[in-house]
Amino acid sequence: MKKLRFLIIIIILSFGIFLYFYLRPTTYESEYELDGFKVKERYSKKDKYYYFEITKDKKNYNFISDIKYNPHRQIIISIFRHFLV
């Protein structure tokens, strides 16, 4: 019984530590291509904002967003859905 209780506590603590490190904000920069556009995405942990630079045909579109931190990269899913609607 004590072994089972100890095992459950270890599992809960491990899961909590994993969630803490997975969900905490980190500064990063990512580049990817989406719908024919080149997207550069940066997150600043210090300033708590996203900076996006979208390029197509030598034209740059820059914008800053203070949306809540998302541990997943590539925040923009579709250029056409966001900008052309």
PDB file of N, CA and C in Angstrom:
ATOM      1  N   MET A   1       0.811  -1.184   0.000  1.00  0.00           N
ATOM      2  CA  MET A   1       0.000   0.000   0.000  1.00  0.00           C
ATOM      3  C   MET A   1       0.866   1.263   0.000  1.00  0.00           C
ATOM      4  N   LYS A   2       1.933   1.258   0.803  1.00  0.00           N
ATOM      5  CA  LYS A   2       2.821   2.403   0.851  1.00  0.00           C
ATOM      6  C   LYS A   2       3.566   2.557  -0.474  1.00  0.00           C
ATOM      7  N   LYS A   3       3.903   1.438  -1.096  1.00  0.00           N
ATOM      8  CA  LYS A   3       4.603   1.495  -2.380  1.00  0.00           C
ATOM      9  C   LYS A   3       3.696   2.098  -3.456  1.00  0.00           C
ATOM     10  N   LEU A   4       2.443   1.744  -3.444  1.00  0.00           N
ATOM     11  CA  LEU A   4       1.489   2.273  -4.412  1.00  0.00           C
ATOM     12  C   LEU A   4       1.300   3.782  -4.216  1.00  0.00           C
ATOM     13  N   ARG A   5       1.173   4.205  -2.979  1.00  0.00           N
ATOM     14  CA  ARG A   5       1.027   5.628  -2.679  1.00  0.00           C
ATOM     15  C   ARG A   5       2.276   6.398  -3.120  1.00  0.00           C
ATOM     16  N   PHE A   6       3.445   5.850  -2.851  1.00  0.00           N
ATOM     17  CA  PHE A   6       4.710   6.470  -3.259  1.00  0.00           C
ATOM     18  C   PHE A   6       4.791   6.569  -4.782  1.00  0.00           C
ATOM     19  N   LEU A   7       4.372   5.520  -5.489  1.00  0.00           N
ATOM     20  CA  LEU A   7       4.394   5.516  -6.953  1.00  0.00           C
ATOM     21  C   LEU A   7       3.445   6.573  -7.522  1.00  0.00           C
ATOM     22  N   ILE A   8       2.278   6.704  -6.952  1.00  0.00           N
ATOM     23  CA  ILE A   8       1.310   7.708  -7.414  1.00  0.00           C
ATOM     24  C   ILE A   8       1.855   9.122  -7.198  1.00  0.00           C
ATOM     25  N   ILE A   9       2.477   9.358  -6.050  1.00  0.00           N
ATOM     26  CA  ILE A   9       3.063  10.673  -5.767  1.00  0.00           C
ATOM     27  C   ILE A   9       4.179  10.982  -6.758  1.00  0.00           C
ATOM     28  N   ILE A  10       5.024  10.013  -7.058  1.00  0.00           N
ATOM     29  CA  ILE A  10       6.118  10.206  -8.022  1.00  0.00           C
ATOM     30  C   ILE A  10       5.554  10.520  -9.404  1.00  0.00           C
ATOM     31  N   ILE A  11       4.525   9.818  -9.820  1.00  0.00           N
ATOM     32  CA  ILE A  11       3.913  10.058 -11.140  1.00  0.00           C
ATOM     33  C   ILE A  11       3.309  11.459 -11.204  1.00  0.00           C
ATOM     34  N   ILE A  12       2.597  11.875 -10.178  1.00  0.00           N
ATOM     35  CA  ILE A  12       1.986  13.206 -10.155  1.00  0.00           C
ATOM     36  C   ILE A  12       3.059  14.291 -10.164  1.00  0.00           C
ATOM     37  N   LEU A  13       4.103  14.130  -9.380  1.00  0.00           N
ATOM     38  CA  LEU A  13       5.190  15.111  -9.365  1.00  0.00           C
ATOM     39  C   LEU A  13       5.896  15.183 -10.717  1.00  0.00           C
ATOM     40  N   SER A  14       6.150  14.046 -11.319  1.00  0.00           N
ATOM     41  CA  SER A  14       6.805  14.028 -12.629  1.00  0.00           C
ATOM     42  C   SER A  14       5.955  14.733 -13.675  1.00  0.00           C
ATOM     43  N   PHE A  15       4.661  14.486 -13.665  1.00  0.00           N
ATOM     44  CA  PHE A  15       3.752  15.122 -14.607  1.00  0.00           C
ATOM     45  C   PHE A  15       3.709  16.639 -14.378  1.00  0.00           C
ATOM     46  N   GLY A  16       3.679  17.051 -13.125  1.00  0.00           N
ATOM     47  CA  GLY A  16       3.679  18.481 -12.802  1.00  0.00           C
ATOM     48  C   GLY A  16       4.956  19.171 -13.256  1.00  0.00           C
ATOM     49  N   ILE A  17       6.094  18.542 -13.055  1.00  0.00           N
ATOM     50  CA  ILE A  17       7.371  19.108 -13.500  1.00  0.00           C
ATOM     51  C   ILE A  17       7.414  19.186 -15.016  1.00  0.00           C
ATOM     52  N   PHE A  18       6.922  18.150 -15.696  1.00  0.00           N
ATOM     53  CA  PHE A  18       6.876  18.165 -17.160  1.00  0.00           C
ATOM     54  C   PHE A  18       6.027  19.325 -17.660  1.00  0.00           C
ATOM     55  N   LEU A  19       4.840  19.515 -17.087  1.00  0.00           N
ATOM     56  CA  LEU A  19       3.959  20.607 -17.500  1.00  0.00           C
ATOM     57  C   LEU A  19       4.595  21.965 -17.242  1.00  0.00           C
ATOM     58  N   TYR A  20       5.277  22.108 -16.122  1.00  0.00           N
ATOM     59  CA  TYR A  20       5.931  23.374 -15.810  1.00  0.00           C
ATOM     60  C   TYR A  20       6.962  23.729 -16.881  1.00  0.00           C
ATOM     61  N   PHE A  21       7.826  22.799 -17.226  1.00  0.00           N
ATOM     62  CA  PHE A  21       8.869  23.081 -18.210  1.00  0.00           C
ATOM     63  C   PHE A  21       8.321  23.178 -19.628  1.00  0.00           C
ATOM     64  N   TYR A  22       7.255  22.488 -19.913  1.00  0.00           N
ATOM     65  CA  TYR A  22       6.676  22.523 -21.255  1.00  0.00           C
ATOM     66  C   TYR A  22       5.910  23.825 -21.507  1.00  0.00           C
ATOM     67  N   LEU A  23       5.220  24.337 -20.523  1.00  0.00           N
ATOM     68  CA  LEU A  23       4.349  25.499 -20.701  1.00  0.00           C
ATOM     69  C   LEU A  23       5.001  26.829 -20.350  1.00  0.00           C
ATOM     70  N   ARG A  24       6.201  26.831 -19.800  1.00  0.00           N
ATOM     71  CA  ARG A  24       6.813  28.108 -19.447  1.00  0.00           C
ATOM     72  C   ARG A  24       7.298  28.824 -20.706  1.00  0.00           C
ATOM     73  N   PRO A  25       7.167  30.132 -20.744  1.00  0.00           N
ATOM     74  CA  PRO A  25       7.586  30.898 -21.919  1.00  0.00           C
ATOM     75  C   PRO A  25       9.097  30.848 -22.129  1.00  0.00           C
ATOM     76  N   THR A  26       9.502  30.725 -23.371  1.00  0.00           N
ATOM     77  CA  THR A  26      10.910  30.777 -23.735  1.00  0.00           C
ATOM     78  C   THR A  26      11.060  31.645 -24.971  1.00  0.00           C
ATOM     79  N   THR A  27      12.151  32.348 -25.062  1.00  0.00           N
ATOM     80  CA  THR A  27      12.433  33.163 -26.227  1.00  0.00           C
ATOM     81  C   THR A  27      12.847  32.242 -27.367  1.00  0.00           C
ATOM     82  N   TYR A  28      12.284  32.465 -28.533  1.00  0.00           N
ATOM     83  CA  TYR A  28      12.648  31.638 -29.684  1.00  0.00           C
ATOM     84  C   TYR A  28      12.449  32.410 -30.975  1.00  0.00           C
ATOM     85  N   GLU A  29      13.037  31.903 -32.046  1.00  0.00           N
ATOM     86  CA  GLU A  29      12.856  32.449 -33.384  1.00  0.00           C
ATOM     87  C   GLU A  29      12.680  31.277 -34.333  1.00  0.00           C
ATOM     88  N   SER A  30      11.701  31.388 -35.210  1.00  0.00           N
ATOM     89  CA  SER A  30      11.380  30.305 -36.129  1.00  0.00           C
ATOM     90  C   SER A  30      11.094  30.883 -37.510  1.00  0.00           C
ATOM     91  N   GLU A  31      11.576  30.204 -38.543  1.00  0.00           N
ATOM     92  CA  GLU A  31      11.290  30.603 -39.921  1.00  0.00           C
ATOM     93  C   GLU A  31      10.651  29.428 -40.641  1.00  0.00           C
ATOM     94  N   TYR A  32       9.606  29.719 -41.407  1.00  0.00           N
ATOM     95  CA  TYR A  32       8.936  28.676 -42.174  1.00  0.00           C
ATOM     96  C   TYR A  32       8.209  29.303 -43.345  1.00  0.00           C
ATOM     97  N   GLU A  33       7.807  28.466 -44.288  1.00  0.00           N
ATOM     98  CA  GLU A  33       7.076  28.930 -45.455  1.00  0.00           C
ATOM     99  C   GLU A  33       5.651  28.415 -45.370  1.00  0.00           C
ATOM    100  N   LEU A  34       4.697  29.312 -45.706  1.00  0.00           N
ATOM    101  CA  LEU A  34       3.294  28.980 -45.563  1.00  0.00           C
ATOM    102  C   LEU A  34       2.498  29.683 -46.659  1.00  0.00           C
ATOM    103  N   ASP A  35       1.774  28.940 -47.446  1.00  0.00           N
ATOM    104  CA  ASP A  35       0.942  29.477 -48.530  1.00  0.00           C
ATOM    105  C   ASP A  35       1.727  30.368 -49.491  1.00  0.00           C
ATOM    106  N   GLY A  36       2.997  30.045 -49.729  1.00  0.00           N
ATOM    107  CA  GLY A  36       3.832  30.820 -50.638  1.00  0.00           C
ATOM    108  C   GLY A  36       4.467  32.041 -49.989  1.00  0.00           C
ATOM    109  N   PHE A  37       4.248  32.254 -48.709  1.00  0.00           N
ATOM    110  CA  PHE A  37       4.825  33.367 -47.972  1.00  0.00           C
ATOM    111  C   PHE A  37       5.935  32.837 -47.069  1.00  0.00           C
ATOM    112  N   LYS A  38       6.983  33.618 -46.894  1.00  0.00           N
ATOM    113  CA  LYS A  38       8.036  33.281 -45.938  1.00  0.00           C
ATOM    114  C   LYS A  38       7.698  33.976 -44.624  1.00  0.00           C
ATOM    115  N   VAL A  39       7.608  33.210 -43.554  1.00  0.00           N
ATOM    116  CA  VAL A  39       7.192  33.751 -42.255  1.00  0.00           C
ATOM    117  C   VAL A  39       8.339  33.607 -41.263  1.00  0.00           C
ATOM    118  N   LYS A  40       8.672  34.703 -40.620  1.00  0.00           N
ATOM    119  CA  LYS A  40       9.654  34.681 -39.528  1.00  0.00           C
ATOM    120  C   LYS A  40       8.895  35.047 -38.259  1.00  0.00           C
ATOM    121  N   GLU A  41       8.951  34.154 -37.286  1.00  0.00           N
ATOM    122  CA  GLU A  41       8.187  34.317 -36.050  1.00  0.00           C
ATOM    123  C   GLU A  41       9.160  34.372 -34.881  1.00  0.00           C
ATOM    124  N   ARG A  42       9.029  35.383 -34.044  1.00  0.00           N
ATOM    125  CA  ARG A  42       9.874  35.507 -32.851  1.00  0.00           C
ATOM    126  C   ARG A  42       9.004  35.750 -31.640  1.00  0.00           C
ATOM    127  N   TYR A  43       9.413  35.163 -30.521  1.00  0.00           N
ATOM    128  CA  TYR A  43       8.751  35.445 -29.256  1.00  0.00           C
ATOM    129  C   TYR A  43       9.792  35.990 -28.290  1.00  0.00           C
ATOM    130  N   SER A  44       9.485  37.102 -27.660  1.00  0.00           N
ATOM    131  CA  SER A  44      10.378  37.712 -26.686  1.00  0.00           C
ATOM    132  C   SER A  44       9.843  37.430 -25.282  1.00  0.00           C
ATOM    133  N   LYS A  45      10.581  36.643 -24.543  1.00  0.00           N
ATOM    134  CA  LYS A  45      10.157  36.300 -23.186  1.00  0.00           C
ATOM    135  C   LYS A  45      10.171  37.533 -22.284  1.00  0.00           C
ATOM    136  N   LYS A  46      11.165  38.379 -22.481  1.00  0.00           N
ATOM    137  CA  LYS A  46      11.305  39.569 -21.653  1.00  0.00           C
ATOM    138  C   LYS A  46      10.148  40.551 -21.879  1.00  0.00           C
ATOM    139  N   ASP A  47       9.817  40.806 -23.145  1.00  0.00           N
ATOM    140  CA  ASP A  47       8.770  41.772 -23.472  1.00  0.00           C
ATOM    141  C   ASP A  47       7.384  41.154 -23.576  1.00  0.00           C
ATOM    142  N   LYS A  48       7.320  39.844 -23.637  1.00  0.00           N
ATOM    143  CA  LYS A  48       6.068  39.081 -23.717  1.00  0.00           C
ATOM    144  C   LYS A  48       5.235  39.450 -24.942  1.00  0.00           C
ATOM    145  N   TYR A  49       5.867  39.390 -26.127  1.00  0.00           N
ATOM    146  CA  TYR A  49       5.136  39.642 -27.359  1.00  0.00           C
ATOM    147  C   TYR A  49       5.682  38.773 -28.491  1.00  0.00           C
ATOM    148  N   TYR A  50       4.865  38.589 -29.505  1.00  0.00           N
ATOM    149  CA  TYR A  50       5.255  37.900 -30.735  1.00  0.00           C
ATOM    150  C   TYR A  50       5.545  38.946 -31.804  1.00  0.00           C
ATOM    151  N   TYR A  51       6.593  38.723 -32.565  1.00  0.00           N
ATOM    152  CA  TYR A  51       6.927  39.577 -33.691  1.00  0.00           C
ATOM    153  C   TYR A  51       6.868  38.705 -34.942  1.00  0.00           C
ATOM    154  N   PHE A  52       6.084  39.112 -35.922  1.00  0.00           N
ATOM    155  CA  PHE A  52       5.950  38.361 -37.161  1.00  0.00           C
ATOM    156  C   PHE A  52       6.452  39.211 -38.320  1.00  0.00           C
ATOM    157  N   GLU A  53       7.239  38.602 -39.189  1.00  0.00           N
ATOM    158  CA  GLU A  53       7.679  39.237 -40.425  1.00  0.00           C
ATOM    159  C   GLU A  53       7.281  38.308 -41.566  1.00  0.00           C
ATOM    160  N   ILE A  54       6.397  38.784 -42.428  1.00  0.00           N
ATOM    161  CA  ILE A  54       5.888  37.974 -43.533  1.00  0.00           C
ATOM    162  C   ILE A  54       6.399  38.596 -44.835  1.00  0.00           C
ATOM    163  N   THR A  55       7.019  37.767 -45.676  1.00  0.00           N
ATOM    164  CA  THR A  55       7.641  38.248 -46.910  1.00  0.00           C
ATOM    165  C   THR A  55       7.110  37.485 -48.108  1.00  0.00           C
ATOM    166  N   LYS A  56       6.814  38.242 -49.176  1.00  0.00           N
ATOM    167  CA  LYS A  56       6.454  37.628 -50.456  1.00  0.00           C
ATOM    168  C   LYS A  56       6.770  38.636 -51.553  1.00  0.00           C
ATOM    169  N   ASP A  57       7.434  38.164 -52.595  1.00  0.00           N
ATOM    170  CA  ASP A  57       7.795  38.996 -53.742  1.00  0.00           C
ATOM    171  C   ASP A  57       8.511  40.279 -53.315  1.00  0.00           C
ATOM    172  N   LYS A  58       9.476  40.154 -52.423  1.00  0.00           N
ATOM    173  CA  LYS A  58      10.304  41.267 -51.925  1.00  0.00           C
ATOM    174  C   LYS A  58       9.499  42.339 -51.195  1.00  0.00           C
ATOM    175  N   LYS A  59       8.309  42.006 -50.743  1.00  0.00           N
ATOM    176  CA  LYS A  59       7.503  42.907 -49.924  1.00  0.00           C
ATOM    177  C   LYS A  59       7.431  42.327 -48.515  1.00  0.00           C
ATOM    178  N   ASN A  60       7.690  43.166 -47.526  1.00  0.00           N
ATOM    179  CA  ASN A  60       7.674  42.736 -46.130  1.00  0.00           C
ATOM    180  C   ASN A  60       6.464  43.304 -45.410  1.00  0.00           C
ATOM    181  N   TYR A  61       5.845  42.463 -44.612  1.00  0.00           N
ATOM    182  CA  TYR A  61       4.738  42.863 -43.758  1.00  0.00           C
ATOM    183  C   TYR A  61       5.129  42.483 -42.338  1.00  0.00           C
ATOM    184  N   ASN A  62       5.232  43.472 -41.464  1.00  0.00           N
ATOM    185  CA  ASN A  62       5.650  43.238 -40.083  1.00  0.00           C
ATOM    186  C   ASN A  62       4.513  43.574 -39.137  1.00  0.00           C
ATOM    187  N   PHE A  63       4.380  42.778 -38.111  1.00  0.00           N
ATOM    188  CA  PHE A  63       3.438  43.137 -37.069  1.00  0.00           C
ATOM    189  C   PHE A  63       3.820  42.480 -35.763  1.00  0.00           C
ATOM    190  N   ILE A  64       3.351  43.096 -34.687  1.00  0.00           N
ATOM    191  CA  ILE A  64       3.629  42.637 -33.325  1.00  0.00           C
ATOM    192  C   ILE A  64       2.300  42.303 -32.672  1.00  0.00           C
ATOM    193  N   SER A  65       2.290  41.212 -31.924  1.00  0.00           N
ATOM    194  CA  SER A  65       1.076  40.804 -31.241  1.00  0.00           C
ATOM    195  C   SER A  65       1.415  40.436 -29.800  1.00  0.00           C
ATOM    196  N   ASP A  66       0.569  40.819 -28.881  1.00  0.00           N
ATOM    197  CA  ASP A  66       0.785  40.477 -27.476  1.00  0.00           C
ATOM    198  C   ASP A  66      -0.161  39.360 -27.029  1.00  0.00           C
ATOM    199  N   ILE A  67      -0.398  38.410 -27.925  1.00  0.00           N
ATOM    200  CA  ILE A  67      -1.254  37.271 -27.572  1.00  0.00           C
ATOM    201  C   ILE A  67      -0.577  36.411 -26.508  1.00  0.00           C
ATOM    202  N   LYS A  68      -1.357  35.642 -25.811  1.00  0.00           N
ATOM    203  CA  LYS A  68      -0.846  34.771 -24.758  1.00  0.00           C
ATOM    204  C   LYS A  68       0.163  33.783 -25.325  1.00  0.00           C
ATOM    205  N   TYR A  69       1.211  33.488 -24.563  1.00  0.00           N
ATOM    206  CA  TYR A  69       2.255  32.563 -25.005  1.00  0.00           C
ATOM    207  C   TYR A  69       1.670  31.200 -25.322  1.00  0.00           C
ATOM    208  N   ASN A  70       2.104  30.640 -26.437  1.00  0.00           N
ATOM    209  CA  ASN A  70       1.686  29.314 -26.880  1.00  0.00           C
ATOM    210  C   ASN A  70       2.947  28.465 -27.044  1.00  0.00           C
ATOM    211  N   PRO A  71       3.039  27.325 -26.376  1.00  0.00           N
ATOM    212  CA  PRO A  71       4.269  26.527 -26.465  1.00  0.00           C
ATOM    213  C   PRO A  71       4.500  25.926 -27.850  1.00  0.00           C
ATOM    214  N   HIS A  72       3.482  25.939 -28.691  1.00  0.00           N
ATOM    215  CA  HIS A  72       3.639  25.412 -30.044  1.00  0.00           C
ATOM    216  C   HIS A  72       4.227  26.493 -30.933  1.00  0.00           C
ATOM    217  N   ARG A  73       5.047  26.075 -31.877  1.00  0.00           N
ATOM    218  CA  ARG A  73       5.612  27.019 -32.834  1.00  0.00           C
ATOM    219  C   ARG A  73       4.676  27.112 -34.033  1.00  0.00           C
ATOM    220  N   GLN A  74       4.982  28.019 -34.915  1.00  0.00           N
ATOM    221  CA  GLN A  74       4.185  28.269 -36.108  1.00  0.00           C
ATOM    222  C   GLN A  74       2.752  28.641 -35.719  1.00  0.00           C
ATOM    223  N   ILE A  75       2.640  29.792 -35.085  1.00  0.00           N
ATOM    224  CA  ILE A  75       1.359  30.301 -34.600  1.00  0.00           C
ATOM    225  C   ILE A  75       0.400  30.570 -35.763  1.00  0.00           C
ATOM    226  N   ILE A  76       0.927  31.127 -36.853  1.00  0.00           N
ATOM    227  CA  ILE A  76       0.090  31.427 -38.011  1.00  0.00           C
ATOM    228  C   ILE A  76      -0.187  30.134 -38.761  1.00  0.00           C
ATOM    229  N   ILE A  77      -1.444  29.798 -38.910  1.00  0.00           N
ATOM    230  CA  ILE A  77      -1.831  28.545 -39.559  1.00  0.00           C
ATOM    231  C   ILE A  77      -2.025  28.750 -41.053  1.00  0.00           C
ATOM    232  N   SER A  78      -2.666  29.854 -41.433  1.00  0.00           N
ATOM    233  CA  SER A  78      -2.930  30.110 -42.837  1.00  0.00           C
ATOM    234  C   SER A  78      -2.875  31.610 -43.097  1.00  0.00           C
ATOM    235  N   ILE A  79      -2.082  32.020 -44.058  1.00  0.00           N
ATOM    236  CA  ILE A  79      -1.970  33.434 -44.415  1.00  0.00           C
ATOM    237  C   ILE A  79      -3.287  33.926 -45.002  1.00  0.00           C
ATOM    238  N   PHE A  80      -3.850  33.183 -45.909  1.00  0.00           N
ATOM    239  CA  PHE A  80      -5.065  33.612 -46.587  1.00  0.00           C
ATOM    240  C   PHE A  80      -6.233  33.748 -45.629  1.00  0.00           C
ATOM    241  N   ARG A  81      -6.346  32.854 -44.681  1.00  0.00           N
ATOM    242  CA  ARG A  81      -7.458  32.917 -43.733  1.00  0.00           C
ATOM    243  C   ARG A  81      -7.347  34.133 -42.825  1.00  0.00           C
ATOM    244  N   HIS A  82      -6.114  34.503 -42.436  1.00  0.00           N
ATOM    245  CA  HIS A  82      -5.930  35.615 -41.510  1.00  0.00           C
ATOM    246  C   HIS A  82      -5.983  36.982 -42.180  1.00  0.00           C
ATOM    247  N   PHE A  83      -5.440  37.098 -43.373  1.00  0.00           N
ATOM    248  CA  PHE A  83      -5.230  38.423 -43.945  1.00  0.00           C
ATOM    249  C   PHE A  83      -6.125  38.752 -45.123  1.00  0.00           C
ATOM    250  N   LEU A  84      -6.651  37.777 -45.801  1.00  0.00           N
ATOM    251  CA  LEU A  84      -7.397  38.056 -47.009  1.00  0.00           C
ATOM    252  C   LEU A  84      -8.896  37.957 -46.834  1.00  0.00           C
ATOM    253  N   VAL A  85      -9.343  37.723 -45.628  1.00  0.00           N
ATOM    254  CA  VAL A  85     -10.780  37.595 -45.381  1.00  0.00           C
ATOM    255  C   VAL A  85     -11.359  38.962 -45.095  1.00  0.00           C
TER     256      VAL A  85
END
